[in-house]
Structures are given as structure tokens and as C-alpha cells.
Amino acid sequence: MTKKQKTEATDEQLAALAERLQDPEHAIVSGGVASDPVAADGRALLEREYGSTAELDQMLRQAGRPKVGQTARGSSPTVRGRISEADYAAFKRLAEATGRSQSELVREAVHDMLTRHQTAS
């Protein structure tokens, strides 16, 4: 098996590729390639973009959505409780009907209750 020679893409080639990848009419024919050399190339690209391995590692550690109301790293407070099966079934239907997560609905319900009792933040 012969190894392909790596070539640098021109700005025009990269712009054309970006255009094709963003075009919903353009079919992606490959399921992708996963191998150590491909992963290494991807890592090298990210390191060039972020300027250093340390900067990339910092970004990867910080990636993801922060917890609700979080200003410092760490877990959000968690409240657990039990409800009847009938209430849970209705709750699941509400989540499905609204397209919202159970967590979102619980946060809203707790906030509404605290507001009603005039203790909300």
C-alpha cells in the first residue's frame, strides 16, 4: 500500500470545500474515517488553531454548557423527590408536548412556587 503525499490546500480550495459542506443539496458520500493518523491530523489542526497544546487542552477542559446559574466550576444543587405515577405520567406528557426537558420543567415549577411564596431570587 502506498502512502498518499500530503498537500496543502489553497484558500480557494478550502472556501469551495466549506461551501459544499454547508450546501444541504450536496450529499456527503463518506461515513468518515477514523484512524490514528486522521485523529493526529485533527489534533494538529486544533493545536494550530488554538496556538499551543496547552491552550487546546484548556479549551477542551472548559468545553460544554455550564450548569444553571453557575459562576464557578462545580455541580449545581440537586433536589430529589417522589411523585405519584399519575403525576409522573402527566409530567412526561407535558415534557413531550412542550419539547422541554424534565429538568427545565422542574426548574420552572420550583421558581413559580418560590415566586408565589415571595421567596424567589
PDB file of N, CA and C in Angstrom:
ATOM      1  N   MET A   1       0.843  -1.168   0.000  1.00  0.00           N
ATOM      2  CA  MET A   1       0.000   0.000   0.000  1.00  0.00           C
ATOM      3  C   MET A   1       0.894   1.238   0.000  1.00  0.00           C
ATOM      4  N   THR A   2       0.609   2.175  -0.904  1.00  0.00           N
ATOM      5  CA  THR A   2       1.407   3.391  -0.968  1.00  0.00           C
ATOM      6  C   THR A   2       0.751   4.481  -0.147  1.00  0.00           C
ATOM      7  N   LYS A   3       1.588   5.268   0.476  1.00  0.00           N
ATOM      8  CA  LYS A   3       1.095   6.353   1.313  1.00  0.00           C
ATOM      9  C   LYS A   3       0.893   7.587   0.443  1.00  0.00           C
ATOM     10  N   LYS A   4      -0.259   8.264   0.620  1.00  0.00           N
ATOM     11  CA  LYS A   4      -0.542   9.467  -0.151  1.00  0.00           C
ATOM     12  C   LYS A   4       0.352  10.607   0.314  1.00  0.00           C
ATOM     13  N   GLN A   5       0.799  11.392  -0.642  1.00  0.00           N
ATOM     14  CA  GLN A   5       1.578  12.590  -0.344  1.00  0.00           C
ATOM     15  C   GLN A   5       0.629  13.668   0.173  1.00  0.00           C
ATOM     16  N   LYS A   6       0.970  14.283   1.289  1.00  0.00           N
ATOM     17  CA  LYS A   6       0.147  15.366   1.823  1.00  0.00           C
ATOM     18  C   LYS A   6       0.409  16.629   1.021  1.00  0.00           C
ATOM     19  N   THR A   7      -0.668  17.334   0.690  1.00  0.00           N
ATOM     20  CA  THR A   7      -0.535  18.612   0.005  1.00  0.00           C
ATOM     21  C   THR A   7      -1.319  19.655   0.778  1.00  0.00           C
ATOM     22  N   GLU A   8      -0.851  20.883   0.729  1.00  0.00           N
ATOM     23  CA  GLU A   8      -1.545  21.981   1.392  1.00  0.00           C
ATOM     24  C   GLU A   8      -2.660  22.473   0.477  1.00  0.00           C
ATOM     25  N   ALA A   9      -3.827  22.718   1.043  1.00  0.00           N
ATOM     26  CA  ALA A   9      -4.951  23.236   0.269  1.00  0.00           C
ATOM     27  C   ALA A   9      -4.839  24.752   0.171  1.00  0.00           C
ATOM     28  N   THR A  10      -5.267  25.280  -0.971  1.00  0.00           N
ATOM     29  CA  THR A  10      -5.275  26.733  -1.146  1.00  0.00           C
ATOM     30  C   THR A  10      -6.515  27.312  -0.475  1.00  0.00           C
ATOM     31  N   ASP A  11      -6.506  28.622  -0.279  1.00  0.00           N
ATOM     32  CA  ASP A  11      -7.673  29.289   0.299  1.00  0.00           C
ATOM     33  C   ASP A  11      -8.910  29.059  -0.562  1.00  0.00           C
ATOM     34  N   GLU A  12      -8.721  29.070  -1.885  1.00  0.00           N
ATOM     35  CA  GLU A  12      -9.852  28.857  -2.791  1.00  0.00           C
ATOM     36  C   GLU A  12     -10.413  27.440  -2.629  1.00  0.00           C
ATOM     37  N   GLN A  13      -9.528  26.459  -2.497  1.00  0.00           N
ATOM     38  CA  GLN A  13      -9.979  25.082  -2.316  1.00  0.00           C
ATOM     39  C   GLN A  13     -10.720  24.924  -0.994  1.00  0.00           C
ATOM     40  N   LEU A  14     -10.199  25.541   0.054  1.00  0.00           N
ATOM     41  CA  LEU A  14     -10.859  25.452   1.356  1.00  0.00           C
ATOM     42  C   LEU A  14     -12.206  26.164   1.339  1.00  0.00           C
ATOM     43  N   ALA A  15     -12.287  27.309   0.653  1.00  0.00           N
ATOM     44  CA  ALA A  15     -13.559  28.032   0.548  1.00  0.00           C
ATOM     45  C   ALA A  15     -14.579  27.194  -0.219  1.00  0.00           C
ATOM     46  N   ALA A  16     -14.134  26.544  -1.301  1.00  0.00           N
ATOM     47  CA  ALA A  16     -15.039  25.693  -2.081  1.00  0.00           C
ATOM     48  C   ALA A  16     -15.511  24.505  -1.240  1.00  0.00           C
ATOM     49  N   LEU A  17     -14.614  23.922  -0.464  1.00  0.00           N
ATOM     50  CA  LEU A  17     -14.989  22.811   0.406  1.00  0.00           C
ATOM     51  C   LEU A  17     -16.008  23.267   1.442  1.00  0.00           C
ATOM     52  N   ALA A  18     -15.765  24.409   2.072  1.00  0.00           N
ATOM     53  CA  ALA A  18     -16.702  24.933   3.073  1.00  0.00           C
ATOM     54  C   ALA A  18     -18.075  25.160   2.450  1.00  0.00           C
ATOM     55  N   GLU A  19     -18.087  25.694   1.231  1.00  0.00           N
ATOM     56  CA  GLU A  19     -19.359  25.932   0.534  1.00  0.00           C
ATOM     57  C   GLU A  19     -20.103  24.612   0.301  1.00  0.00           C
ATOM     58  N   ARG A  20     -19.373  23.591  -0.170  1.00  0.00           N
ATOM     59  CA  ARG A  20     -20.014  22.287  -0.424  1.00  0.00           C
ATOM     60  C   ARG A  20     -20.551  21.674   0.864  1.00  0.00           C
ATOM     61  N   LEU A  21     -19.782  21.769   1.938  1.00  0.00           N
ATOM     62  CA  LEU A  21     -20.197  21.148   3.192  1.00  0.00           C
ATOM     63  C   LEU A  21     -21.401  21.841   3.809  1.00  0.00           C
ATOM     64  N   GLN A  22     -21.598  23.118   3.510  1.00  0.00           N
ATOM     65  CA  GLN A  22     -22.736  23.856   4.048  1.00  0.00           C
ATOM     66  C   GLN A  22     -23.959  23.779   3.149  1.00  0.00           C
ATOM     67  N   ASP A  23     -23.799  23.248   1.947  1.00  0.00           N
ATOM     68  CA  ASP A  23     -24.907  23.149   0.997  1.00  0.00           C
ATOM     69  C   ASP A  23     -25.744  21.914   1.321  1.00  0.00           C
ATOM     70  N   PRO A  24     -27.028  22.097   1.720  1.00  0.00           N
ATOM     71  CA  PRO A  24     -27.856  20.942   2.070  1.00  0.00           C
ATOM     72  C   PRO A  24     -28.126  20.021   0.877  1.00  0.00           C
ATOM     73  N   GLU A  25     -27.951  20.529  -0.342  1.00  0.00           N
ATOM     74  CA  GLU A  25     -28.165  19.708  -1.538  1.00  0.00           C
ATOM     75  C   GLU A  25     -26.960  18.822  -1.852  1.00  0.00           C
ATOM     76  N   HIS A  26     -25.821  19.127  -1.256  1.00  0.00           N
ATOM     77  CA  HIS A  26     -24.604  18.363  -1.527  1.00  0.00           C
ATOM     78  C   HIS A  26     -24.572  17.133  -0.621  1.00  0.00           C
ATOM     79  N   ALA A  27     -24.535  15.968  -1.226  1.00  0.00           N
ATOM     80  CA  ALA A  27     -24.531  14.722  -0.450  1.00  0.00           C
ATOM     81  C   ALA A  27     -23.125  14.426   0.068  1.00  0.00           C
ATOM     82  N   ILE A  28     -23.041  14.038   1.317  1.00  0.00           N
ATOM     83  CA  ILE A  28     -21.777  13.581   1.892  1.00  0.00           C
ATOM     84  C   ILE A  28     -21.716  12.079   1.623  1.00  0.00           C
ATOM     85  N   VAL A  29     -20.737  11.649   0.851  1.00  0.00           N
ATOM     86  CA  VAL A  29     -20.703  10.249   0.433  1.00  0.00           C
ATOM     87  C   VAL A  29     -19.879   9.360   1.354  1.00  0.00           C
ATOM     88  N   SER A  30     -19.128   9.940   2.249  1.00  0.00           N
ATOM     89  CA  SER A  30     -18.291   9.151   3.135  1.00  0.00           C
ATOM     90  C   SER A  30     -18.893   9.114   4.525  1.00  0.00           C
ATOM     91  N   GLY A  31     -18.792   7.978   5.166  1.00  0.00           N
ATOM     92  CA  GLY A  31     -19.223   7.875   6.548  1.00  0.00           C
ATOM     93  C   GLY A  31     -18.152   8.392   7.490  1.00  0.00           C
ATOM     94  N   GLY A  32     -17.056   8.870   6.923  1.00  0.00           N
ATOM     95  CA  GLY A  32     -15.962   9.380   7.731  1.00  0.00           C
ATOM     96  C   GLY A  32     -14.873   8.341   7.880  1.00  0.00           C
ATOM     97  N   VAL A  33     -13.752   8.787   8.322  1.00  0.00           N
ATOM     98  CA  VAL A  33     -12.608   7.910   8.504  1.00  0.00           C
ATOM     99  C   VAL A  33     -12.130   8.067   9.939  1.00  0.00           C
ATOM    100  N   ALA A  34     -11.967   6.962  10.603  1.00  0.00           N
ATOM    101  CA  ALA A  34     -11.463   7.006  11.973  1.00  0.00           C
ATOM    102  C   ALA A  34     -10.206   6.157  12.039  1.00  0.00           C
ATOM    103  N   SER A  35      -9.104   6.810  12.271  1.00  0.00           N
ATOM    104  CA  SER A  35      -7.847   6.087  12.422  1.00  0.00           C
ATOM    105  C   SER A  35      -6.882   6.977  13.190  1.00  0.00           C
ATOM    106  N   ASP A  36      -5.819   6.396  13.661  1.00  0.00           N
ATOM    107  CA  ASP A  36      -4.841   7.171  14.421  1.00  0.00           C
ATOM    108  C   ASP A  36      -4.253   8.325  13.610  1.00  0.00           C
ATOM    109  N   PRO A  37      -3.857   8.104  12.341  1.00  0.00           N
ATOM    110  CA  PRO A  37      -3.318   9.238  11.573  1.00  0.00           C
ATOM    111  C   PRO A  37      -4.347  10.355  11.367  1.00  0.00           C
ATOM    112  N   VAL A  38      -5.598   9.992  11.145  1.00  0.00           N
ATOM    113  CA  VAL A  38      -6.639  11.002  10.961  1.00  0.00           C
ATOM    114  C   VAL A  38      -6.848  11.767  12.261  1.00  0.00           C
ATOM    115  N   ALA A  39      -6.890  11.057  13.377  1.00  0.00           N
ATOM    116  CA  ALA A  39      -7.046  11.712  14.675  1.00  0.00           C
ATOM    117  C   ALA A  39      -5.863  12.637  14.953  1.00  0.00           C
ATOM    118  N   ALA A  40      -4.667  12.201  14.611  1.00  0.00           N
ATOM    119  CA  ALA A  40      -3.476  13.028  14.823  1.00  0.00           C
ATOM    120  C   ALA A  40      -3.535  14.286  13.961  1.00  0.00           C
ATOM    121  N   ASP A  41      -4.000  14.144  12.712  1.00  0.00           N
ATOM    122  CA  ASP A  41      -4.144  15.314  11.844  1.00  0.00           C
ATOM    123  C   ASP A  41      -5.168  16.287  12.413  1.00  0.00           C
ATOM    124  N   GLY A  42      -6.272  15.770  12.933  1.00  0.00           N
ATOM    125  CA  GLY A  42      -7.294  16.625  13.533  1.00  0.00           C
ATOM    126  C   GLY A  42      -6.761  17.346  14.759  1.00  0.00           C
ATOM    127  N   ARG A  43      -6.022  16.635  15.576  1.00  0.00           N
ATOM    128  CA  ARG A  43      -5.429  17.244  16.776  1.00  0.00           C
ATOM    129  C   ARG A  43      -4.440  18.334  16.378  1.00  0.00           C
ATOM    130  N   ALA A  44      -3.627  18.069  15.351  1.00  0.00           N
ATOM    131  CA  ALA A  44      -2.652  19.061  14.888  1.00  0.00           C
ATOM    132  C   ALA A  44      -3.357  20.316  14.371  1.00  0.00           C
ATOM    133  N   LEU A  45      -4.464  20.128  13.661  1.00  0.00           N
ATOM    134  CA  LEU A  45      -5.245  21.268  13.174  1.00  0.00           C
ATOM    135  C   LEU A  45      -5.744  22.113  14.344  1.00  0.00           C
ATOM    136  N   LEU A  46      -6.301  21.462  15.356  1.00  0.00           N
ATOM    137  CA  LEU A  46      -6.808  22.195  16.518  1.00  0.00           C
ATOM    138  C   LEU A  46      -5.683  22.901  17.275  1.00  0.00           C
ATOM    139  N   GLU A  47      -4.533  22.255  17.386  1.00  0.00           N
ATOM    140  CA  GLU A  47      -3.407  22.891  18.073  1.00  0.00           C
ATOM    141  C   GLU A  47      -2.939  24.131  17.320  1.00  0.00           C
ATOM    142  N   ARG A  48      -2.952  24.068  15.971  1.00  0.00           N
ATOM    143  CA  ARG A  48      -2.594  25.259  15.192  1.00  0.00           C
ATOM    144  C   ARG A  48      -3.618  26.366  15.410  1.00  0.00           C
ATOM    145  N   GLU A  49      -4.890  26.002  15.448  1.00  0.00           N
ATOM    146  CA  GLU A  49      -5.952  26.998  15.626  1.00  0.00           C
ATOM    147  C   GLU A  49      -5.873  27.665  16.992  1.00  0.00           C
ATOM    148  N   TYR A  50      -5.580  26.883  18.034  1.00  0.00           N
ATOM    149  CA  TYR A  50      -5.546  27.424  19.393  1.00  0.00           C
ATOM    150  C   TYR A  50      -4.167  27.924  19.802  1.00  0.00           C
ATOM    151  N   GLY A  51      -3.170  27.681  18.973  1.00  0.00           N
ATOM    152  CA  GLY A  51      -1.848  28.250  19.220  1.00  0.00           C
ATOM    153  C   GLY A  51      -0.882  27.368  19.980  1.00  0.00           C
ATOM    154  N   SER A  52      -1.389  26.449  20.779  1.00  0.00           N
ATOM    155  CA  SER A  52      -0.496  25.564  21.525  1.00  0.00           C
ATOM    156  C   SER A  52      -1.293  24.394  22.088  1.00  0.00           C
ATOM    157  N   THR A  53      -0.565  23.374  22.486  1.00  0.00           N
ATOM    158  CA  THR A  53      -1.205  22.223  23.112  1.00  0.00           C
ATOM    159  C   THR A  53      -1.869  22.630  24.420  1.00  0.00           C
ATOM    160  N   ALA A  54      -1.204  23.504  25.179  1.00  0.00           N
ATOM    161  CA  ALA A  54      -1.754  23.946  26.469  1.00  0.00           C
ATOM    162  C   ALA A  54      -3.068  24.700  26.271  1.00  0.00           C
ATOM    163  N   GLU A  55      -3.123  25.599  25.275  1.00  0.00           N
ATOM    164  CA  GLU A  55      -4.352  26.359  25.007  1.00  0.00           C
ATOM    165  C   GLU A  55      -5.480  25.424  24.579  1.00  0.00           C
ATOM    166  N   LEU A  56      -5.163  24.448  23.720  1.00  0.00           N
ATOM    167  CA  LEU A  56      -6.176  23.493  23.272  1.00  0.00           C
ATOM    168  C   LEU A  56      -6.685  22.675  24.450  1.00  0.00           C
ATOM    169  N   ASP A  57      -5.787  22.185  25.290  1.00  0.00           N
ATOM    170  CA  ASP A  57      -6.204  21.395  26.449  1.00  0.00           C
ATOM    171  C   ASP A  57      -7.097  22.206  27.379  1.00  0.00           C
ATOM    172  N   GLN A  58      -6.757  23.490  27.563  1.00  0.00           N
ATOM    173  CA  GLN A  58      -7.574  24.372  28.407  1.00  0.00           C
ATOM    174  C   GLN A  58      -8.980  24.503  27.816  1.00  0.00           C
ATOM    175  N   MET A  59      -9.066  24.719  26.503  1.00  0.00           N
ATOM    176  CA  MET A  59     -10.358  24.855  25.844  1.00  0.00           C
ATOM    177  C   MET A  59     -11.171  23.569  25.983  1.00  0.00           C
ATOM    178  N   LEU A  60     -10.533  22.425  25.812  1.00  0.00           N
ATOM    179  CA  LEU A  60     -11.249  21.154  25.904  1.00  0.00           C
ATOM    180  C   LEU A  60     -11.767  20.907  27.318  1.00  0.00           C
ATOM    181  N   ARG A  61     -11.019  21.334  28.323  1.00  0.00           N
ATOM    182  CA  ARG A  61     -11.485  21.188  29.707  1.00  0.00           C
ATOM    183  C   ARG A  61     -12.691  22.077  29.977  1.00  0.00           C
ATOM    184  N   GLN A  62     -12.744  23.242  29.329  1.00  0.00           N
ATOM    185  CA  GLN A  62     -13.822  24.193  29.572  1.00  0.00           C
ATOM    186  C   GLN A  62     -15.015  23.970  28.657  1.00  0.00           C
ATOM    187  N   ALA A  63     -14.902  23.074  27.699  1.00  0.00           N
ATOM    188  CA  ALA A  63     -15.971  22.872  26.721  1.00  0.00           C
ATOM    189  C   ALA A  63     -17.237  22.384  27.402  1.00  0.00           C
ATOM    190  N   GLY A  64     -18.351  22.680  26.790  1.00  0.00           N
ATOM    191  CA  GLY A  64     -19.631  22.239  27.330  1.00  0.00           C
ATOM    192  C   GLY A  64     -20.393  23.383  27.954  1.00  0.00           C
ATOM    193  N   ARG A  65     -21.642  23.153  28.143  1.00  0.00           N
ATOM    194  CA  ARG A  65     -22.516  24.175  28.697  1.00  0.00           C
ATOM    195  C   ARG A  65     -22.367  24.210  30.209  1.00  0.00           C
ATOM    196  N   PRO A  66     -22.260  25.412  30.795  1.00  0.00           N
ATOM    197  CA  PRO A  66     -22.156  25.475  32.255  1.00  0.00           C
ATOM    198  C   PRO A  66     -23.469  25.085  32.913  1.00  0.00           C
ATOM    199  N   LYS A  67     -23.396  24.717  34.164  1.00  0.00           N
ATOM    200  CA  LYS A  67     -24.588  24.372  34.930  1.00  0.00           C
ATOM    201  C   LYS A  67     -25.443  25.617  35.135  1.00  0.00           C
ATOM    202  N   VAL A  68     -26.706  25.426  35.390  1.00  0.00           N
ATOM    203  CA  VAL A  68     -27.641  26.529  35.580  1.00  0.00           C
ATOM    204  C   VAL A  68     -27.167  27.437  36.706  1.00  0.00           C
ATOM    205  N   GLY A  69     -27.077  28.732  36.425  1.00  0.00           N
ATOM    206  CA  GLY A  69     -26.701  29.702  37.441  1.00  0.00           C
ATOM    207  C   GLY A  69     -25.266  29.600  37.915  1.00  0.00           C
ATOM    208  N   GLN A  70     -24.465  28.823  37.238  1.00  0.00           N
ATOM    209  CA  GLN A  70     -23.099  28.561  37.694  1.00  0.00           C
ATOM    210  C   GLN A  70     -22.180  29.726  37.349  1.00  0.00           C
ATOM    211  N   THR A  71     -21.422  30.162  38.310  1.00  0.00           N
ATOM    212  CA  THR A  71     -20.377  31.140  38.058  1.00  0.00           C
ATOM    213  C   THR A  71     -19.013  30.491  38.258  1.00  0.00           C
ATOM    214  N   ALA A  72     -18.916  29.569  39.175  1.00  0.00           N
ATOM    215  CA  ALA A  72     -17.674  28.835  39.402  1.00  0.00           C
ATOM    216  C   ALA A  72     -17.897  27.385  38.974  1.00  0.00           C
ATOM    217  N   ARG A  73     -16.795  26.664  38.738  1.00  0.00           N
ATOM    218  CA  ARG A  73     -16.910  25.260  38.341  1.00  0.00           C
ATOM    219  C   ARG A  73     -17.499  24.459  39.496  1.00  0.00           C
ATOM    220  N   GLY A  74     -18.229  23.422  39.158  1.00  0.00           N
ATOM    221  CA  GLY A  74     -18.801  22.560  40.182  1.00  0.00           C
ATOM    222  C   GLY A  74     -20.212  22.162  39.818  1.00  0.00           C
ATOM    223  N   SER A  75     -20.809  21.354  40.634  1.00  0.00           N
ATOM    224  CA  SER A  75     -22.153  20.855  40.368  1.00  0.00           C
ATOM    225  C   SER A  75     -23.204  21.830  40.853  1.00  0.00           C
ATOM    226  N   SER A  76     -24.343  21.825  40.152  1.00  0.00           N
ATOM    227  CA  SER A  76     -25.494  22.598  40.612  1.00  0.00           C
ATOM    228  C   SER A  76     -26.135  21.850  41.768  1.00  0.00           C
ATOM    229  N   PRO A  77     -26.791  22.572  42.685  1.00  0.00           N
ATOM    230  CA  PRO A  77     -27.523  21.876  43.747  1.00  0.00           C
ATOM    231  C   PRO A  77     -28.585  20.967  43.129  1.00  0.00           C
ATOM    232  N   THR A  78     -28.804  19.828  43.738  1.00  0.00           N
ATOM    233  CA  THR A  78     -29.766  18.857  43.229  1.00  0.00           C
ATOM    234  C   THR A  78     -30.842  18.624  44.272  1.00  0.00           C
ATOM    235  N   VAL A  79     -32.082  18.603  43.808  1.00  0.00           N
ATOM    236  CA  VAL A  79     -33.224  18.330  44.681  1.00  0.00           C
ATOM    237  C   VAL A  79     -33.893  17.071  44.152  1.00  0.00           C
ATOM    238  N   ARG A  80     -34.173  16.138  45.042  1.00  0.00           N
ATOM    239  CA  ARG A  80     -34.839  14.893  44.633  1.00  0.00           C
ATOM    240  C   ARG A  80     -36.159  14.774  45.370  1.00  0.00           C
ATOM    241  N   GLY A  81     -37.102  14.176  44.722  1.00  0.00           N
ATOM    242  CA  GLY A  81     -38.395  13.956  45.356  1.00  0.00           C
ATOM    243  C   GLY A  81     -39.163  12.885  44.609  1.00  0.00           C
ATOM    244  N   ARG A  82     -40.205  12.391  45.233  1.00  0.00           N
ATOM    245  CA  ARG A  82     -41.036  11.356  44.616  1.00  0.00           C
ATOM    246  C   ARG A  82     -42.409  11.934  44.341  1.00  0.00           C
ATOM    247  N   ILE A  83     -42.986  11.508  43.208  1.00  0.00           N
ATOM    248  CA  ILE A  83     -44.348  11.917  42.863  1.00  0.00           C
ATOM    249  C   ILE A  83     -45.134  10.674  42.475  1.00  0.00           C
ATOM    250  N   SER A  84     -46.440  10.814  42.448  1.00  0.00           N
ATOM    251  CA  SER A  84     -47.282   9.658  42.114  1.00  0.00           C
ATOM    252  C   SER A  84     -47.059   9.259  40.652  1.00  0.00           C
ATOM    253  N   GLU A  85     -47.404   8.017  40.339  1.00  0.00           N
ATOM    254  CA  GLU A  85     -47.262   7.544  38.965  1.00  0.00           C
ATOM    255  C   GLU A  85     -48.123   8.363  38.018  1.00  0.00           C
ATOM    256  N   ALA A  86     -49.323   8.740  38.460  1.00  0.00           N
ATOM    257  CA  ALA A  86     -50.222   9.537  37.617  1.00  0.00           C
ATOM    258  C   ALA A  86     -49.608  10.907  37.329  1.00  0.00           C
ATOM    259  N   ASP A  87     -49.049  11.542  38.366  1.00  0.00           N
ATOM    260  CA  ASP A  87     -48.399  12.838  38.157  1.00  0.00           C
ATOM    261  C   ASP A  87     -47.180  12.696  37.245  1.00  0.00           C
ATOM    262  N   TYR A  88     -46.434  11.620  37.419  1.00  0.00           N
ATOM    263  CA  TYR A  88     -45.251  11.417  36.583  1.00  0.00           C
ATOM    264  C   TYR A  88     -45.651  11.207  35.125  1.00  0.00           C
ATOM    265  N   ALA A  89     -46.711  10.444  34.893  1.00  0.00           N
ATOM    266  CA  ALA A  89     -47.188  10.229  33.522  1.00  0.00           C
ATOM    267  C   ALA A  89     -47.608  11.560  32.896  1.00  0.00           C
ATOM    268  N   ALA A  90     -48.322  12.387  33.663  1.00  0.00           N
ATOM    269  CA  ALA A  90     -48.741  13.699  33.166  1.00  0.00           C
ATOM    270  C   ALA A  90     -47.517  14.591  32.922  1.00  0.00           C
ATOM    271  N   PHE A  91     -46.531  14.497  33.801  1.00  0.00           N
ATOM    272  CA  PHE A  91     -45.300  15.274  33.681  1.00  0.00           C
ATOM    273  C   PHE A  91     -44.551  14.900  32.400  1.00  0.00           C
ATOM    274  N   LYS A  92     -44.457  13.595  32.117  1.00  0.00           N
ATOM    275  CA  LYS A  92     -43.798  13.134  30.895  1.00  0.00           C
ATOM    276  C   LYS A  92     -44.543  13.620  29.657  1.00  0.00           C
ATOM    277  N   ARG A  93     -45.888  13.592  29.710  1.00  0.00           N
ATOM    278  CA  ARG A  93     -46.682  14.091  28.574  1.00  0.00           C
ATOM    279  C   ARG A  93     -46.432  15.585  28.363  1.00  0.00           C
ATOM    280  N   LEU A  94     -46.345  16.334  29.461  1.00  0.00           N
ATOM    281  CA  LEU A  94     -46.080  17.769  29.370  1.00  0.00           C
ATOM    282  C   LEU A  94     -44.703  18.026  28.744  1.00  0.00           C
ATOM    283  N   ALA A  95     -43.706  17.278  29.175  1.00  0.00           N
ATOM    284  CA  ALA A  95     -42.357  17.437  28.619  1.00  0.00           C
ATOM    285  C   ALA A  95     -42.369  17.163  27.121  1.00  0.00           C
ATOM    286  N   GLU A  96     -43.060  16.109  26.722  1.00  0.00           N
ATOM    287  CA  GLU A  96     -43.134  15.757  25.303  1.00  0.00           C
ATOM    288  C   GLU A  96     -43.907  16.811  24.517  1.00  0.00           C
ATOM    289  N   ALA A  97     -45.017  17.271  25.070  1.00  0.00           N
ATOM    290  CA  ALA A  97     -45.860  18.248  24.372  1.00  0.00           C
ATOM    291  C   ALA A  97     -45.155  19.595  24.215  1.00  0.00           C
ATOM    292  N   THR A  98     -44.354  19.975  25.205  1.00  0.00           N
ATOM    293  CA  THR A  98     -43.688  21.280  25.155  1.00  0.00           C
ATOM    294  C   THR A  98     -42.302  21.205  24.526  1.00  0.00           C
ATOM    295  N   GLY A  99     -41.772  19.986  24.387  1.00  0.00           N
ATOM    296  CA  GLY A  99     -40.425  19.843  23.840  1.00  0.00           C
ATOM    297  C   GLY A  99     -39.346  20.299  24.809  1.00  0.00           C
ATOM    298  N   ARG A 100     -39.686  20.385  26.069  1.00  0.00           N
ATOM    299  CA  ARG A 100     -38.735  20.828  27.093  1.00  0.00           C
ATOM    300  C   ARG A 100     -38.293  19.636  27.927  1.00  0.00           C
ATOM    301  N   SER A 101     -37.106  19.749  28.491  1.00  0.00           N
ATOM    302  CA  SER A 101     -36.598  18.650  29.317  1.00  0.00           C
ATOM    303  C   SER A 101     -37.302  18.650  30.669  1.00  0.00           C
ATOM    304  N   GLN A 102     -37.256  17.505  31.332  1.00  0.00           N
ATOM    305  CA  GLN A 102     -37.829  17.412  32.671  1.00  0.00           C
ATOM    306  C   GLN A 102     -37.122  18.391  33.610  1.00  0.00           C
ATOM    307  N   SER A 103     -35.816  18.545  33.451  1.00  0.00           N
ATOM    308  CA  SER A 103     -35.070  19.480  34.300  1.00  0.00           C
ATOM    309  C   SER A 103     -35.571  20.905  34.120  1.00  0.00           C
ATOM    310  N   GLU A 104     -35.801  21.311  32.871  1.00  0.00           N
ATOM    311  CA  GLU A 104     -36.314  22.664  32.625  1.00  0.00           C
ATOM    312  C   GLU A 104     -37.662  22.862  33.298  1.00  0.00           C
ATOM    313  N   LEU A 105     -38.532  21.865  33.162  1.00  0.00           N
ATOM    314  CA  LEU A 105     -39.865  21.977  33.752  1.00  0.00           C
ATOM    315  C   LEU A 105     -39.799  22.032  35.276  1.00  0.00           C
ATOM    316  N   VAL A 106     -38.928  21.237  35.875  1.00  0.00           N
ATOM    317  CA  VAL A 106     -38.796  21.250  37.338  1.00  0.00           C
ATOM    318  C   VAL A 106     -38.261  22.602  37.797  1.00  0.00           C
ATOM    319  N   ARG A 107     -37.236  23.133  37.090  1.00  0.00           N
ATOM    320  CA  ARG A 107     -36.701  24.447  37.470  1.00  0.00           C
ATOM    321  C   ARG A 107     -37.787  25.516  37.397  1.00  0.00           C
ATOM    322  N   GLU A 108     -38.596  25.483  36.330  1.00  0.00           N
ATOM    323  CA  GLU A 108     -39.674  26.463  36.201  1.00  0.00           C
ATOM    324  C   GLU A 108     -40.709  26.298  37.311  1.00  0.00           C
ATOM    325  N   ALA A 109     -41.062  25.052  37.613  1.00  0.00           N
ATOM    326  CA  ALA A 109     -42.065  24.803  38.656  1.00  0.00           C
ATOM    327  C   ALA A 109     -41.567  25.289  40.019  1.00  0.00           C
ATOM    328  N   VAL A 110     -40.307  25.015  40.335  1.00  0.00           N
ATOM    329  CA  VAL A 110     -39.755  25.456  41.617  1.00  0.00           C
ATOM    330  C   VAL A 110     -39.718  26.983  41.662  1.00  0.00           C
ATOM    331  N   HIS A 111     -39.282  27.611  40.568  1.00  0.00           N
ATOM    332  CA  HIS A 111     -39.235  29.074  40.542  1.00  0.00           C
ATOM    333  C   HIS A 111     -40.638  29.668  40.707  1.00  0.00           C
ATOM    334  N   ASP A 112     -41.631  29.092  40.002  1.00  0.00           N
ATOM    335  CA  ASP A 112     -43.015  29.578  40.130  1.00  0.00           C
ATOM    336  C   ASP A 112     -43.503  29.463  41.577  1.00  0.00           C
ATOM    337  N   MET A 113     -43.199  28.344  42.226  1.00  0.00           N
ATOM    338  CA  MET A 113     -43.625  28.149  43.609  1.00  0.00           C
ATOM    339  C   MET A 113     -42.943  29.163  44.531  1.00  0.00           C
ATOM    340  N   LEU A 114     -41.644  29.374  44.325  1.00  0.00           N
ATOM    341  CA  LEU A 114     -40.925  30.343  45.152  1.00  0.00           C
ATOM    342  C   LEU A 114     -41.443  31.760  44.917  1.00  0.00           C
ATOM    343  N   THR A 115     -41.778  32.076  43.681  1.00  0.00           N
ATOM    344  CA  THR A 115     -42.346  33.390  43.372  1.00  0.00           C
ATOM    345  C   THR A 115     -43.693  33.557  44.063  1.00  0.00           C
ATOM    346  N   ARG A 116     -44.488  32.515  44.001  1.00  0.00           N
ATOM    347  CA  ARG A 116     -45.809  32.554  44.635  1.00  0.00           C
ATOM    348  C   ARG A 116     -45.682  32.792  46.142  1.00  0.00           C
ATOM    349  N   HIS A 117     -44.648  32.236  46.728  1.00  0.00           N
ATOM    350  CA  HIS A 117     -44.428  32.400  48.172  1.00  0.00           C
ATOM    351  C   HIS A 117     -43.495  33.578  48.466  1.00  0.00           C
ATOM    352  N   GLN A 118     -43.195  34.352  47.433  1.00  0.00           N
ATOM    353  CA  GLN A 118     -42.374  35.565  47.527  1.00  0.00           C
ATOM    354  C   GLN A 118     -40.997  35.315  48.122  1.00  0.00           C
ATOM    355  N   THR A 119     -40.395  34.200  47.741  1.00  0.00           N
ATOM    356  CA  THR A 119     -39.037  33.928  48.213  1.00  0.00           C
ATOM    357  C   THR A 119     -38.081  33.693  47.050  1.00  0.00           C
ATOM    358  N   ALA A 120     -38.536  33.957  45.809  1.00  0.00           N
ATOM    359  CA  ALA A 120     -37.682  33.707  44.640  1.00  0.00           C
ATOM    360  C   ALA A 120     -36.556  34.726  44.576  1.00  0.00           C
ATOM    361  N   SER A 121     -35.454  34.299  43.983  1.00  0.00           N
ATOM    362  CA  SER A 121     -34.321  35.220  43.821  1.00  0.00           C
ATOM    363  C   SER A 121     -34.494  36.046  42.571  1.00  0.00           C
TER     364      SER A 121
END
